[in-house]
Amino acid sequence: MEPMSLEADLVKPAVLLTIIAETVLKEAIVNMLKSYGVIGYTITQVQGEGNHGRRMGDMAGYNTNIEIKTIMSIELSNDILRSVKDYQGKQAVIAFRSHIETL
């Protein structure tokens, strides 16, 4: 039997979940993530253009978006994506996940 590679010992599969939403949803989304047991996340202000028009953040607190990133299992990401879907149609929000490896 061959010894396991160092890489196999170091990394584990995970999901990077990214949510881009109107800034007014920040508190609601963070509370929802915490209700699922998420304890780590990163939030940044972002600008862009899409189906909901331009979000350039040219006025503080108006027409601004945030991007929230967090790492989790695929099973947990399924539950959170279902919750994020509830916001769609009411607010500008999109979510996607990427399969990653983490230490």
C-alpha atoms as a PDB file:
ATOM      1  CA  MET A   1       0.000   0.000   0.000  1.00  0.00           C
ATOM      2  CA  GLU A   2       1.366   3.429  -0.967  1.00  0.00           C
ATOM      3  CA  PRO A   3       1.753   6.085   1.715  1.00  0.00           C
ATOM      4  CA  MET A   4      -0.769   8.939   1.531  1.00  0.00           C
ATOM      5  CA  SER A   5       0.591  12.087  -0.005  1.00  0.00           C
ATOM      6  CA  LEU A   6       1.303  15.078   2.182  1.00  0.00           C
ATOM      7  CA  GLU A   7      -1.359  17.000   0.232  1.00  0.00           C
ATOM      8  CA  ALA A   8      -4.047  14.459   1.178  1.00  0.00           C
ATOM      9  CA  ASP A   9      -3.122  14.921   4.831  1.00  0.00           C
ATOM     10  CA  LEU A  10      -3.283  18.727   4.587  1.00  0.00           C
ATOM     11  CA  VAL A  11      -6.450  19.566   2.699  1.00  0.00           C
ATOM     12  CA  LYS A  12     -10.105  18.756   3.101  1.00  0.00           C
ATOM     13  CA  PRO A  13     -12.957  19.308   0.625  1.00  0.00           C
ATOM     14  CA  ALA A  14     -15.310  22.187   1.406  1.00  0.00           C
ATOM     15  CA  VAL A  15     -17.601  24.725  -0.232  1.00  0.00           C
ATOM     16  CA  LEU A  16     -17.005  28.456  -0.528  1.00  0.00           C
ATOM     17  CA  LEU A  17     -20.438  30.077  -0.422  1.00  0.00           C
ATOM     18  CA  THR A  18     -20.644  33.595  -1.841  1.00  0.00           C
ATOM     19  CA  ILE A  19     -23.711  35.797  -1.394  1.00  0.00           C
ATOM     20  CA  ILE A  20     -24.004  39.159  -3.152  1.00  0.00           C
ATOM     21  CA  ALA A  21     -26.912  41.245  -1.896  1.00  0.00           C
ATOM     22  CA  GLU A  22     -28.196  44.722  -1.250  1.00  0.00           C
ATOM     23  CA  THR A  23     -26.512  46.218   1.802  1.00  0.00           C
ATOM     24  CA  VAL A  24     -29.880  46.526   3.567  1.00  0.00           C
ATOM     25  CA  LEU A  25     -29.937  42.706   3.801  1.00  0.00           C
ATOM     26  CA  LYS A  26     -26.618  42.495   5.677  1.00  0.00           C
ATOM     27  CA  GLU A  27     -28.043  42.009   9.172  1.00  0.00           C
ATOM     28  CA  ALA A  28     -30.742  39.574   8.027  1.00  0.00           C
ATOM     29  CA  ILE A  29     -28.272  37.431   6.077  1.00  0.00           C
ATOM     30  CA  VAL A  30     -25.702  37.407   8.892  1.00  0.00           C
ATOM     31  CA  ASN A  31     -28.430  36.393  11.368  1.00  0.00           C
ATOM     32  CA  MET A  32     -29.576  33.645   9.008  1.00  0.00           C
ATOM     33  CA  LEU A  33     -26.002  32.336   8.638  1.00  0.00           C
ATOM     34  CA  LYS A  34     -25.550  32.336  12.412  1.00  0.00           C
ATOM     35  CA  SER A  35     -28.849  30.472  12.857  1.00  0.00           C
ATOM     36  CA  TYR A  36     -27.256  27.647  10.816  1.00  0.00           C
ATOM     37  CA  GLY A  37     -24.171  27.664  13.033  1.00  0.00           C
ATOM     38  CA  VAL A  38     -21.858  29.617  10.721  1.00  0.00           C
ATOM     39  CA  ILE A  39     -19.246  31.356  12.862  1.00  0.00           C
ATOM     40  CA  GLY A  40     -16.819  32.711  10.264  1.00  0.00           C
ATOM     41  CA  TYR A  41     -17.499  34.948   7.292  1.00  0.00           C
ATOM     42  CA  THR A  42     -16.044  37.900   5.404  1.00  0.00           C
ATOM     43  CA  ILE A  43     -18.092  40.887   4.241  1.00  0.00           C
ATOM     44  CA  THR A  44     -16.941  43.428   1.668  1.00  0.00           C
ATOM     45  CA  GLN A  45     -18.608  46.347  -0.118  1.00  0.00           C
ATOM     46  CA  VAL A  46     -18.846  45.644  -3.860  1.00  0.00           C
ATOM     47  CA  GLN A  47     -19.901  47.416  -7.031  1.00  0.00           C
ATOM     48  CA  GLY A  48     -21.240  46.078 -10.292  1.00  0.00           C
ATOM     49  CA  GLU A  49     -24.027  45.771 -12.778  1.00  0.00           C
ATOM     50  CA  GLY A  50     -26.511  42.986 -13.429  1.00  0.00           C
ATOM     51  CA  ASN A  51     -30.204  42.133 -13.750  1.00  0.00           C
ATOM     52  CA  HIS A  52     -31.088  44.623 -11.011  1.00  0.00           C
ATOM     53  CA  GLY A  53     -29.223  47.493 -12.658  1.00  0.00           C
ATOM     54  CA  ARG A  54     -26.045  49.241 -11.631  1.00  0.00           C
ATOM     55  CA  ARG A  55     -24.931  49.109  -8.021  1.00  0.00           C
ATOM     56  CA  MET A  56     -22.099  51.582  -7.886  1.00  0.00           C
ATOM     57  CA  GLY A  57     -22.282  52.625  -4.242  1.00  0.00           C
ATOM     58  CA  ASP A  58     -21.837  56.244  -5.237  1.00  0.00           C
ATOM     59  CA  MET A  59     -23.876  57.451  -2.252  1.00  0.00           C
ATOM     60  CA  ALA A  60     -23.192  56.002   1.189  1.00  0.00           C
ATOM     61  CA  GLY A  61     -25.968  53.597   2.181  1.00  0.00           C
ATOM     62  CA  TYR A  62     -27.795  53.968  -1.139  1.00  0.00           C
ATOM     63  CA  ASN A  63     -27.556  51.666  -4.130  1.00  0.00           C
ATOM     64  CA  THR A  64     -24.844  49.589  -2.463  1.00  0.00           C
ATOM     65  CA  ASN A  65     -24.110  45.874  -2.383  1.00  0.00           C
ATOM     66  CA  ILE A  66     -22.202  43.575  -0.073  1.00  0.00           C
ATOM     67  CA  GLU A  67     -20.447  40.305  -0.747  1.00  0.00           C
ATOM     68  CA  ILE A  68     -20.430  37.705   2.015  1.00  0.00           C
ATOM     69  CA  LYS A  69     -18.078  34.722   1.789  1.00  0.00           C
ATOM     70  CA  THR A  70     -18.017  31.739   4.102  1.00  0.00           C
ATOM     71  CA  ILE A  71     -16.649  28.186   4.017  1.00  0.00           C
ATOM     72  CA  MET A  72     -18.786  25.178   4.914  1.00  0.00           C
ATOM     73  CA  SER A  73     -19.892  21.671   3.977  1.00  0.00           C
ATOM     74  CA  ILE A  74     -21.938  21.078   0.844  1.00  0.00           C
ATOM     75  CA  GLU A  75     -24.846  19.871   2.976  1.00  0.00           C
ATOM     76  CA  LEU A  76     -24.949  23.101   4.959  1.00  0.00           C
ATOM     77  CA  SER A  77     -24.639  25.139   1.760  1.00  0.00           C
ATOM     78  CA  ASN A  78     -27.762  23.386   0.400  1.00  0.00           C
ATOM     79  CA  ASP A  79     -29.784  24.567   3.412  1.00  0.00           C
ATOM     80  CA  ILE A  80     -28.440  28.121   3.237  1.00  0.00           C
ATOM     81  CA  LEU A  81     -29.029  28.397  -0.519  1.00  0.00           C
ATOM     82  CA  ARG A  82     -32.674  27.449   0.068  1.00  0.00           C
ATOM     83  CA  SER A  83     -32.938  30.248   2.644  1.00  0.00           C
ATOM     84  CA  VAL A  84     -31.269  32.790   0.348  1.00  0.00           C
ATOM     85  CA  LYS A  85     -33.731  31.863  -2.417  1.00  0.00           C
ATOM     86  CA  ASP A  86     -36.524  33.255  -0.221  1.00  0.00           C
ATOM     87  CA  TYR A  87     -35.069  36.757  -0.734  1.00  0.00           C
ATOM     88  CA  GLN A  88     -35.014  36.523  -4.525  1.00  0.00           C
ATOM     89  CA  GLY A  89     -37.799  38.390  -6.253  1.00  0.00           C
ATOM     90  CA  LYS A  90     -38.071  40.783  -3.302  1.00  0.00           C
ATOM     91  CA  GLN A  91     -34.481  42.078  -3.089  1.00  0.00           C
ATOM     92  CA  ALA A  92     -31.400  42.062  -5.304  1.00  0.00           C
ATOM     93  CA  VAL A  93     -29.505  38.954  -4.160  1.00  0.00           C
ATOM     94  CA  ILE A  94     -27.568  36.143  -5.779  1.00  0.00           C
ATOM     95  CA  ALA A  95     -25.651  33.267  -4.242  1.00  0.00           C
ATOM     96  CA  PHE A  96     -23.274  30.690  -5.629  1.00  0.00           C
ATOM     97  CA  ARG A  97     -20.882  28.081  -4.334  1.00  0.00           C
ATOM     98  CA  SER A  98     -17.503  26.816  -5.404  1.00  0.00           C
ATOM     99  CA  HIS A  99     -15.933  23.523  -4.482  1.00  0.00           C
ATOM    100  CA  ILE A 100     -12.623  24.170  -2.752  1.00  0.00           C
ATOM    101  CA  GLU A 101      -9.984  22.507  -0.616  1.00  0.00           C
ATOM    102  CA  THR A 102      -9.043  23.981   2.757  1.00  0.00           C
ATOM    103  CA  LEU A 103      -6.501  23.375   5.453  1.00  0.00           C
END
